[in-house]
């Protein structure tokens, strides 16, 4: 591809296509702090707070979005996840960027260069060396905590395994950074009964709580101990991300106790037995979350590690996941109804990866409202493959048609990169432009102060109230 000669298109009014959109964004949305209530940032890196080595580490070390783009461009794996040098990897990413036109990677790349490094040039082979040098010069003086503060990030919620000792969260709190960092109880490994590593994980869980787990009762006790430990570190959210073929199965406690014991003894389990165990655990955790005043999150609809060759060569979770086509309505209905029927349904956020199920998710969350808790059941923002302009607009439009957009808790990064926070800006610009288009068409009143307050609520205020974070 020949060189891109155009000036940077990330202007002051990028994505804002009317006077009303400009006003809504610059006078209302832009100033709001960021509550990033779901991401995969490293608590260790935040706690240690050392300058990031270079932009390759910040951008490419764990970003499977970029890895997929590079692979699609025919880049050799050694320049993606392999042993090539940082500068070589960056050069291959720069080679790929011009081919990402109309992919969100192109927008994100230029937004991040502009916001963190004030770089106007479009990344491509002819600009790569200069951009690499300029960005690295700045990163030598910027720590993770400083990068978060620069973006006005008030709260970050990391994603943490139940066995995590949360020592880095303790260190972060003691250091008193501008950004408050809280853990999230990611329960996935508790559900992997019948899989090869489950017994080893149960042993690790037992070591974490300092008692052996020999039966289902001691297992539940261990979970409850870990929930309390997370609560002591300010945790207010759980998360679940195993979105493949979930089924709520009828069970008895006796059955589940036998199934658990059978698994620990190394016997194979049937699909029905796995589902009975999982169904019990979903309900147990949901009731505990409700008791503790937490928010439960469900990331549903992915099919992971599709490329067995690459998984064998590189490992799991390296950018070979995609949208699945699993039925989700019955699972959500049975789970949420079982918890709601005993008044033990916690605040809940669901994220779906398959846009064909947008209406399914949006309408499901409207079934379980509760007096005094506006927006209790949230259908979350466009996730993963859908956190781009078209995906966000579809989510916002469907939520508007079938729920209350005004009560929406807004955007999150779901990222492993400390340079990903302009995604909140991206969302806010899209939101403001969407509302402004309705004003122009006469579908909304031309009342900028009222709509501006709505924008601020979606960008920030609703999340503060929903999660109950103590912010700066």
Protein backbone atom coordinates (compact mmCIF):
# COMPACT_ATOMS: atom_id res chain seq x y z
CA UNK A 1 0.00 0.00 0.00
CA UNK A 2 1.29 3.48 -0.83
CA UNK A 3 1.89 6.01 1.88
CA UNK A 4 -1.03 7.86 3.47
CA UNK A 5 -0.37 11.58 2.89
CA UNK A 6 -3.51 13.02 4.52
CA UNK A 7 -3.31 14.95 7.77
CA UNK A 8 -4.51 13.30 10.94
CA UNK A 9 -8.31 13.08 10.93
CA UNK A 10 -8.55 12.99 14.75
CA UNK A 11 -9.69 16.58 14.98
CA UNK A 12 -11.41 18.40 17.81
CA UNK A 13 -14.80 17.42 16.40
CA UNK A 14 -13.97 13.87 15.31
CA UNK A 15 -17.23 11.85 14.98
CA UNK A 16 -19.30 14.92 15.88
CA UNK A 17 -21.45 15.77 12.87
CA UNK A 18 -23.57 18.65 14.09
CA UNK A 19 -23.51 21.73 16.28
CA UNK A 20 -25.58 19.92 18.89
CA UNK A 21 -23.15 16.99 18.96
CA UNK A 22 -20.22 19.35 19.41
CA UNK A 23 -21.94 21.07 22.33
CA UNK A 24 -22.99 17.83 24.03
CA UNK A 25 -19.50 16.40 23.83
CA UNK A 26 -17.31 19.40 24.61
CA UNK A 27 -19.54 21.03 27.24
CA UNK A 28 -20.92 17.92 28.95
CA UNK A 29 -19.28 14.58 28.15
CA UNK A 30 -15.60 15.44 27.77
CA UNK A 31 -15.12 16.75 31.30
CA UNK A 32 -16.51 13.69 33.08
CA UNK A 33 -14.05 11.41 34.92
CA UNK A 34 -13.79 7.74 33.95
CA UNK A 35 -15.13 4.79 35.92
CA UNK A 36 -13.60 1.73 34.22
CA UNK A 37 -15.50 -1.02 35.99
CA UNK A 38 -14.20 -3.92 33.91
CA UNK A 39 -10.72 -4.42 32.49
CA UNK A 40 -7.77 -6.80 32.57
CA UNK A 41 -5.03 -4.43 33.68
CA UNK A 42 -2.23 -5.88 35.81
CA UNK A 43 -2.50 -4.96 39.51
CA UNK A 44 1.18 -5.89 39.81
CA UNK A 45 2.19 -3.32 37.19
CA UNK A 46 0.03 -0.64 38.83
CA UNK A 47 1.45 -1.42 42.29
CA UNK A 48 5.08 -1.44 41.14
CA UNK A 49 4.39 1.75 39.15
CA UNK A 50 7.52 1.56 37.05
CA UNK A 51 7.85 3.43 33.76
CA UNK A 52 6.65 1.32 30.85
CA UNK A 53 9.66 0.16 28.81
CA UNK A 54 8.37 1.05 25.36
CA UNK A 55 5.26 1.45 23.26
CA UNK A 56 5.54 -2.12 21.98
CA UNK A 57 5.09 -3.42 25.50
CA UNK A 58 2.26 -0.99 26.15
CA UNK A 59 0.50 -1.74 22.88
CA UNK A 60 1.35 -5.23 21.66
CA UNK A 61 2.37 -7.44 24.59
CA UNK A 62 -1.17 -8.56 25.37
CA UNK A 63 -3.47 -7.01 22.78
CA UNK A 64 -5.12 -9.82 20.82
CA UNK A 65 -7.07 -7.26 18.77
CA UNK A 66 -3.79 -6.12 17.20
CA UNK A 67 -2.52 -9.71 16.98
CA UNK A 68 -5.56 -10.68 14.89
CA UNK A 69 -5.04 -7.69 12.62
CA UNK A 70 -1.38 -8.53 12.11
CA UNK A 71 -2.14 -12.18 11.36
CA UNK A 72 -4.83 -11.14 8.88
CA UNK A 73 -2.17 -9.02 7.20
CA UNK A 74 0.07 -12.06 6.82
CA UNK A 75 2.61 -11.08 9.48
CA UNK A 76 4.81 -13.92 10.72
CA UNK A 77 4.03 -15.05 14.29
CA UNK A 78 7.51 -14.25 15.59
CA UNK A 79 6.66 -10.56 15.11
CA UNK A 80 3.37 -10.96 16.98
CA UNK A 81 3.85 -13.21 20.01
CA UNK A 82 7.34 -14.52 19.21
CA UNK A 83 10.93 -13.60 19.92
CA UNK A 84 11.38 -10.66 17.57
CA UNK A 85 12.67 -7.45 19.17
CA UNK A 86 10.32 -4.74 20.39
CA UNK A 87 11.28 -2.43 17.55
CA UNK A 88 10.78 -5.17 14.95
CA UNK A 89 7.31 -5.94 16.34
CA UNK A 90 6.39 -2.25 16.31
CA UNK A 91 7.56 -1.95 12.72
CA UNK A 92 5.31 -4.86 11.71
CA UNK A 93 2.37 -3.24 13.48
CA UNK A 94 3.10 0.02 11.66
CA UNK A 95 3.16 -1.97 8.43
CA UNK A 96 -0.29 -3.34 9.26
CA UNK A 97 -2.00 -0.10 10.36
CA UNK A 98 -2.68 1.30 6.85
CA UNK A 99 -4.52 -1.92 6.07
CA UNK A 100 -6.83 -1.48 9.09
CA UNK A 101 -8.86 1.31 7.44
CA UNK A 102 -12.51 1.04 8.54
CA UNK A 103 -11.51 -1.33 11.34
CA UNK A 104 -11.71 0.22 14.84
CA UNK A 105 -8.00 -0.53 15.25
CA UNK A 106 -7.28 2.40 12.93
CA UNK A 107 -9.28 4.84 15.03
CA UNK A 108 -7.96 3.51 18.35
CA UNK A 109 -4.36 3.66 17.17
CA UNK A 110 -4.56 7.29 16.12
CA UNK A 111 -6.60 8.33 19.17
CA UNK A 112 -4.04 6.80 21.51
CA UNK A 113 -1.10 8.38 19.68
CA UNK A 114 -2.82 11.77 19.91
CA UNK A 115 -3.99 11.61 23.51
CA UNK A 116 -0.95 10.07 25.18
CA UNK A 117 1.87 11.38 22.98
CA UNK A 118 0.39 14.35 21.07
CA UNK A 119 1.44 12.63 17.85
CA UNK A 120 -0.44 13.81 14.77
CA UNK A 121 1.24 11.63 12.16
CA UNK A 122 -0.60 8.56 10.92
CA UNK A 123 1.28 5.42 11.89
CA UNK A 124 2.71 3.64 8.84
CA UNK A 125 6.14 2.39 7.77
CA UNK A 126 7.38 5.87 6.81
CA UNK A 127 6.54 7.31 10.25
CA UNK A 128 7.22 4.25 12.41
CA UNK A 129 10.79 4.98 13.51
CA UNK A 130 10.05 8.57 14.56
CA UNK A 131 6.83 7.62 16.37
CA UNK A 132 8.58 4.72 18.13
CA UNK A 133 11.31 7.03 19.39
CA UNK A 134 8.97 9.87 20.41
CA UNK A 135 6.54 7.61 22.25
CA UNK A 136 9.33 5.77 24.07
CA UNK A 137 10.84 9.05 25.24
CA UNK A 138 7.55 9.95 26.91
CA UNK A 139 6.94 6.45 28.31
CA UNK A 140 10.32 6.55 30.08
CA UNK A 141 8.79 9.16 32.37
CA UNK A 142 5.25 7.76 32.57
CA UNK A 143 4.19 5.08 35.03
CA UNK A 144 0.86 3.21 34.93
CA UNK A 145 -0.54 5.37 37.73
CA UNK A 146 0.46 8.53 35.88
CA UNK A 147 -1.11 7.33 32.63
CA UNK A 148 -4.37 6.58 34.45
CA UNK A 149 -4.38 9.98 36.15
CA UNK A 150 -3.64 11.72 32.84
CA UNK A 151 -6.88 10.26 31.47
CA UNK A 152 -8.83 11.28 34.61
CA UNK A 153 -9.56 7.65 35.51
CA UNK A 154 -11.09 7.69 38.99
CA UNK A 155 -11.80 3.97 39.36
CA UNK A 156 -10.36 0.82 37.81
CA UNK A 157 -11.73 -2.66 38.53
CA UNK A 158 -9.27 -5.40 37.65
CA UNK A 159 -10.20 -9.04 36.96
CA UNK A 160 -8.91 -11.45 39.61
CA UNK A 161 -9.06 -15.18 40.31
CA UNK A 162 -10.62 -16.34 43.61
CA UNK A 163 -7.21 -17.69 44.71
CA UNK A 164 -5.46 -14.33 44.26
CA UNK A 165 -4.03 -13.00 47.53
CA UNK A 166 -4.67 -9.40 46.34
CA UNK A 167 -1.31 -8.26 47.73
CA UNK A 168 -0.89 -5.80 44.88
CA UNK A 169 -4.25 -4.23 45.60
CA UNK A 170 -3.07 -3.71 49.16
CA UNK A 171 0.09 -2.01 47.90
CA UNK A 172 -1.91 0.18 45.51
CA UNK A 173 -4.17 1.36 48.32
CA UNK A 174 -1.20 2.11 50.57
CA UNK A 175 0.45 4.22 47.85
CA UNK A 176 -2.62 6.44 47.60
CA UNK A 177 -2.77 6.89 43.85
CA UNK A 178 -5.28 9.23 42.25
CA UNK A 179 -6.99 6.22 40.64
CA UNK A 180 -8.74 3.84 43.03
CA UNK A 181 -8.15 0.21 42.04
CA UNK A 182 -10.52 -2.53 43.19
CA UNK A 183 -10.54 -6.28 42.48
CA UNK A 184 -13.28 -8.21 40.71
CA UNK A 185 -14.13 -11.79 41.70
CA UNK A 186 -13.77 -13.72 38.40
CA UNK A 187 -15.37 -17.09 39.15
CA UNK A 188 -14.65 -19.02 35.92
CA UNK A 189 -12.20 -21.56 37.37
CA UNK A 190 -14.74 -22.59 40.00
CA UNK A 191 -17.02 -23.82 37.22
CA UNK A 192 -14.52 -25.96 35.31
CA UNK A 193 -15.48 -29.24 36.96
CA UNK A 194 -14.64 -32.30 34.90
CA UNK A 195 -11.74 -30.59 33.12
CA UNK A 196 -8.15 -31.73 33.43
CA UNK A 197 -6.92 -28.98 35.76
CA UNK A 198 -9.93 -28.84 38.07
CA UNK A 199 -8.44 -31.06 40.78
CA UNK A 200 -5.23 -29.02 40.77
CA UNK A 201 -7.25 -25.84 41.04
CA UNK A 202 -9.21 -27.18 44.01
CA UNK A 203 -5.91 -28.04 45.70
CA UNK A 204 -4.70 -24.48 45.06
CA UNK A 205 -7.94 -23.08 46.47
CA UNK A 206 -7.49 -25.24 49.58
CA UNK A 207 -3.95 -23.96 50.05
CA UNK A 208 -5.22 -20.40 49.70
CA UNK A 209 -7.73 -20.83 52.54
CA UNK A 210 -5.41 -23.06 54.62
CA UNK A 211 -7.68 -26.08 54.76
CA UNK A 212 -8.09 -29.12 52.56
CA UNK A 213 -11.13 -29.41 50.32
CA UNK A 214 -12.38 -32.97 50.51
CA UNK A 215 -16.09 -32.49 49.92
CA UNK A 216 -18.63 -30.03 48.60
CA UNK A 217 -19.26 -28.42 51.98
CA UNK A 218 -15.61 -27.55 52.49
CA UNK A 219 -15.53 -26.25 48.90
CA UNK A 220 -18.42 -23.86 49.56
CA UNK A 221 -16.78 -22.74 52.78
CA UNK A 222 -13.61 -21.96 50.86
CA UNK A 223 -15.55 -19.90 48.32
CA UNK A 224 -17.27 -17.95 51.07
CA UNK A 225 -13.90 -17.21 52.68
CA UNK A 226 -12.54 -15.87 49.43
CA UNK A 227 -15.61 -13.70 48.89
CA UNK A 228 -15.03 -12.14 52.29
CA UNK A 229 -11.35 -11.62 51.47
CA UNK A 230 -12.25 -9.81 48.25
CA UNK A 231 -14.83 -7.71 50.09
CA UNK A 232 -12.14 -6.57 52.52
CA UNK A 233 -10.23 -5.12 49.57
CA UNK A 234 -13.17 -3.08 48.32
CA UNK A 235 -14.52 -5.54 45.77
CA UNK A 236 -18.01 -4.71 44.57
CA UNK A 237 -18.23 -6.84 41.42
CA UNK A 238 -18.04 -10.43 40.28
CA UNK A 239 -17.57 -11.64 36.73
CA UNK A 240 -18.20 -14.81 34.72
CA UNK A 241 -16.94 -15.38 31.20
CA UNK A 242 -17.57 -18.98 30.16
CA UNK A 243 -20.16 -18.31 27.51
CA UNK A 244 -20.34 -21.68 25.76
CA UNK A 245 -23.51 -23.79 25.98
CA UNK A 246 -24.75 -22.80 29.44
CA UNK A 247 -27.74 -24.72 30.82
CA UNK A 248 -29.61 -24.41 34.11
CA UNK A 249 -30.38 -27.97 35.20
CA UNK A 250 -32.63 -29.13 38.03
CA UNK A 251 -30.65 -30.67 40.88
CA UNK A 252 -30.67 -31.75 44.51
CA UNK A 253 -27.94 -30.95 46.99
CA UNK A 254 -27.26 -34.65 47.46
CA UNK A 255 -26.71 -35.03 43.72
CA UNK A 256 -24.26 -32.14 43.60
CA UNK A 257 -22.33 -33.42 46.59
CA UNK A 258 -21.90 -36.79 44.87
CA UNK A 259 -20.91 -35.13 41.58
CA UNK A 260 -18.25 -33.03 43.30
CA UNK A 261 -16.81 -36.01 45.16
CA UNK A 262 -16.84 -38.04 41.95
CA UNK A 263 -14.86 -35.32 40.16
CA UNK A 264 -12.24 -35.13 42.92
CA UNK A 265 -11.82 -38.89 42.65
CA UNK A 266 -10.91 -38.56 38.99
CA UNK A 267 -14.07 -40.02 37.46
CA UNK A 268 -15.46 -38.62 34.22
CA UNK A 269 -18.66 -36.61 34.47
CA UNK A 270 -21.59 -36.52 32.09
CA UNK A 271 -22.75 -33.25 30.58
CA UNK A 272 -25.85 -33.42 32.78
CA UNK A 273 -23.71 -33.81 35.91
CA UNK A 274 -21.56 -30.84 34.95
CA UNK A 275 -24.68 -28.72 34.42
CA UNK A 276 -26.21 -29.75 37.75
CA UNK A 277 -23.02 -28.73 39.56
CA UNK A 278 -22.81 -25.44 37.69
CA UNK A 279 -26.47 -24.66 38.30
CA UNK A 280 -26.02 -25.05 42.04
CA UNK A 281 -22.92 -22.86 41.96
CA UNK A 282 -24.60 -20.11 39.92
CA UNK A 283 -27.35 -19.90 42.54
CA UNK A 284 -25.01 -20.09 45.52
CA UNK A 285 -22.81 -17.31 44.17
CA UNK A 286 -25.77 -15.17 43.12
CA UNK A 287 -27.22 -15.33 46.63
CA UNK A 288 -23.87 -14.47 48.16
CA UNK A 289 -23.43 -11.51 45.80
CA UNK A 290 -26.88 -10.26 46.76
CA UNK A 291 -26.08 -10.64 50.45
CA UNK A 292 -22.85 -8.65 50.01
CA UNK A 293 -24.39 -5.95 47.82
CA UNK A 294 -22.21 -6.81 44.82
CA UNK A 295 -22.91 -6.53 41.10
CA UNK A 296 -22.63 -9.74 39.07
CA UNK A 297 -21.42 -9.60 35.46
CA UNK A 298 -21.89 -12.20 32.72
CA UNK A 299 -19.83 -12.10 29.53
CA UNK A 300 -21.69 -14.47 27.23
CA UNK A 301 -21.51 -15.69 23.66
CA UNK A 302 -17.85 -16.30 22.80
CA UNK A 303 -16.33 -19.44 21.33
CA UNK A 304 -12.69 -19.57 22.37
CA UNK A 305 -9.41 -21.02 21.10
CA UNK A 306 -10.74 -22.04 17.69
CA UNK A 307 -7.30 -22.51 16.15
CA UNK A 308 -5.87 -25.67 17.74
CA UNK A 309 -2.63 -25.40 15.78
CA UNK A 310 -1.91 -21.90 17.06
CA UNK A 311 -3.04 -22.82 20.56
CA UNK A 312 -0.52 -25.68 20.59
CA UNK A 313 2.26 -23.42 19.29
CA UNK A 314 1.55 -20.23 21.25
CA UNK A 315 -1.04 -20.98 23.94
CA UNK A 316 -4.63 -20.18 24.84
CA UNK A 317 -6.27 -16.75 24.60
CA UNK A 318 -3.98 -15.43 21.88
CA UNK A 319 -6.58 -13.95 19.55
CA UNK A 320 -8.31 -17.01 18.08
CA UNK A 321 -11.68 -16.46 19.70
CA UNK A 322 -14.85 -15.46 17.89
CA UNK A 323 -18.57 -14.91 18.18
CA UNK A 324 -20.55 -18.02 19.14
CA UNK A 325 -24.16 -18.80 18.33
CA UNK A 326 -25.38 -20.34 21.58
CA UNK A 327 -28.96 -19.97 22.82
CA UNK A 328 -28.86 -17.76 25.93
CA UNK A 329 -32.43 -16.74 26.71
CA UNK A 330 -33.47 -19.87 28.60
CA UNK A 331 -30.30 -19.93 30.68
CA UNK A 332 -30.66 -16.29 31.74
CA UNK A 333 -34.38 -16.64 32.39
CA UNK A 334 -34.02 -19.69 34.64
CA UNK A 335 -31.07 -18.28 36.57
CA UNK A 336 -32.41 -14.79 37.12
CA UNK A 337 -35.92 -16.03 37.90
CA UNK A 338 -34.66 -18.55 40.47
CA UNK A 339 -32.77 -15.79 42.28
CA UNK A 340 -35.55 -13.24 41.90
CA UNK A 341 -38.21 -15.64 43.23
CA UNK A 342 -36.52 -15.59 46.66
CA UNK A 343 -35.64 -11.87 46.46
CA UNK A 344 -31.94 -12.73 46.13
CA UNK A 345 -31.19 -11.45 42.63
CA UNK A 346 -28.22 -9.03 42.80
CA UNK A 347 -27.65 -6.13 40.48
CA UNK A 348 -26.64 -7.75 37.20
CA UNK A 349 -24.86 -6.74 33.99
CA UNK A 350 -24.92 -8.98 30.93
CA UNK A 351 -22.73 -8.53 27.85
CA UNK A 352 -23.49 -10.43 24.68
CA UNK A 353 -21.03 -11.04 21.90
CA UNK A 354 -23.51 -12.05 19.20
CA UNK A 355 -25.33 -8.97 17.83
CA UNK A 356 -28.15 -11.16 16.52
CA UNK A 357 -29.12 -11.56 20.19
CA UNK A 358 -29.16 -7.86 21.05
CA UNK A 359 -32.91 -7.80 21.44
CA UNK A 360 -32.85 -11.06 23.43
CA UNK A 361 -30.50 -9.58 26.01
CA UNK A 362 -32.13 -6.14 26.09
CA UNK A 363 -35.58 -7.55 26.73
CA UNK A 364 -34.40 -10.19 29.23
CA UNK A 365 -32.90 -7.56 31.48
CA UNK A 366 -36.21 -5.73 31.60
CA UNK A 367 -37.95 -8.64 33.33
CA UNK A 368 -36.44 -8.26 36.80
CA UNK A 369 -36.66 -4.66 37.94
CA UNK A 370 -36.81 -3.69 41.60
CA UNK A 371 -38.40 -0.67 43.27
CA UNK A 372 -35.82 1.78 44.55
CA UNK A 373 -32.99 0.50 42.33
CA UNK A 374 -33.13 2.32 38.98
CA UNK A 375 -31.43 0.35 36.23
CA UNK A 376 -30.85 -2.68 38.46
CA UNK A 377 -30.54 -5.06 35.51
CA UNK A 378 -28.13 -3.69 32.92
CA UNK A 379 -27.50 -4.86 29.39
CA UNK A 380 -23.86 -3.85 29.08
CA UNK A 381 -22.03 -1.90 26.43
CA UNK A 382 -20.81 -3.34 23.16
CA UNK A 383 -18.25 -5.97 24.12
CA UNK A 384 -15.10 -7.29 22.43
CA UNK A 385 -15.83 -7.52 18.70
CA UNK A 386 -18.74 -5.14 19.21
CA UNK A 387 -16.99 -2.26 21.02
CA UNK A 388 -16.65 -0.33 17.78
CA UNK A 389 -18.76 2.42 16.24
CA UNK A 390 -21.36 0.22 14.56
CA UNK A 391 -21.58 -2.15 17.53
CA UNK A 392 -21.94 0.69 20.03
CA UNK A 393 -24.62 2.40 17.96
CA UNK A 394 -26.59 -0.84 17.66
CA UNK A 395 -26.35 -1.44 21.40
CA UNK A 396 -27.40 2.12 22.21
CA UNK A 397 -30.31 2.02 19.76
CA UNK A 398 -31.58 -1.36 20.93
CA UNK A 399 -31.29 -0.35 24.58
CA UNK A 400 -33.15 2.89 23.79
CA UNK A 401 -35.96 0.99 22.07
CA UNK A 402 -36.40 -1.68 24.73
CA UNK A 403 -35.08 -0.19 27.96
CA UNK A 404 -34.00 3.09 29.55
CA UNK A 405 -30.91 4.56 27.95
CA UNK A 406 -30.95 7.29 30.59
CA UNK A 407 -30.14 4.68 33.27
CA UNK A 408 -27.30 3.07 31.31
CA UNK A 409 -23.96 2.80 33.16
CA UNK A 410 -21.87 3.40 30.07
CA UNK A 411 -18.54 2.30 28.69
CA UNK A 412 -15.59 0.20 29.89
CA UNK A 413 -12.28 -0.76 28.26
CA UNK A 414 -12.13 -4.56 28.85
CA UNK A 415 -8.47 -4.03 28.01
CA UNK A 416 -5.01 -5.17 29.09
CA UNK A 417 -3.35 -1.96 27.95
CA UNK A 418 -2.74 1.22 29.94
CA UNK A 419 -3.11 3.13 26.67
CA UNK A 420 -6.69 2.02 25.99
CA UNK A 421 -8.64 4.72 27.84
CA UNK A 422 -9.43 6.89 24.80
CA UNK A 423 -12.04 4.19 24.12
CA UNK A 424 -14.18 6.07 26.65
CA UNK A 425 -13.75 9.21 24.54
CA UNK A 426 -14.67 7.19 21.45
CA UNK A 427 -17.87 5.99 23.12
CA UNK A 428 -18.76 9.44 24.39
CA UNK A 429 -18.38 11.03 20.98
CA UNK A 430 -20.56 8.33 19.42
CA UNK A 431 -23.20 8.77 22.14
CA UNK A 432 -23.30 12.54 21.72
CA UNK A 433 -23.55 12.31 17.94
CA UNK A 434 -26.35 9.74 18.19
CA UNK A 435 -28.42 11.95 20.48
CA UNK A 436 -27.70 15.03 18.37
CA UNK A 437 -28.95 13.28 15.22
CA UNK A 438 -32.28 12.67 16.97
CA UNK A 439 -32.47 16.36 17.87
CA UNK A 440 -31.86 17.31 14.22
CA UNK A 441 -34.59 14.90 13.08
CA UNK A 442 -37.08 16.28 15.62
CA UNK A 443 -37.15 12.99 17.54
CA UNK A 444 -35.87 14.61 20.75
CA UNK A 445 -36.49 18.08 22.17
CA UNK A 446 -33.73 20.59 21.47
CA UNK A 447 -33.04 20.97 25.19
CA UNK A 448 -29.27 20.79 25.46
CA UNK A 449 -29.03 21.24 29.26
CA UNK A 450 -31.46 18.36 29.86
CA UNK A 451 -29.81 16.06 27.32
CA UNK A 452 -26.37 17.13 28.50
CA UNK A 453 -27.23 15.96 32.00
CA UNK A 454 -28.38 12.64 30.53
CA UNK A 455 -25.06 12.31 28.70
CA UNK A 456 -23.13 13.00 31.91
CA UNK A 457 -25.19 10.40 33.75
CA UNK A 458 -24.43 7.74 31.13
CA UNK A 459 -20.74 8.65 31.01
CA UNK A 460 -20.17 8.78 34.77
CA UNK A 461 -22.91 9.55 37.30
CA UNK A 462 -24.95 6.38 36.78
CA UNK A 463 -21.91 4.16 37.34
CA UNK A 464 -20.95 5.97 40.54
CA UNK A 465 -24.45 5.49 41.94
CA UNK A 466 -24.87 1.93 40.63
CA UNK A 467 -21.64 0.54 42.08
CA UNK A 468 -21.43 2.77 45.14
CA UNK A 469 -17.76 3.59 44.59
CA UNK A 470 -16.17 6.14 46.88
CA UNK A 471 -14.53 8.38 44.30
CA UNK A 472 -12.19 11.35 44.62
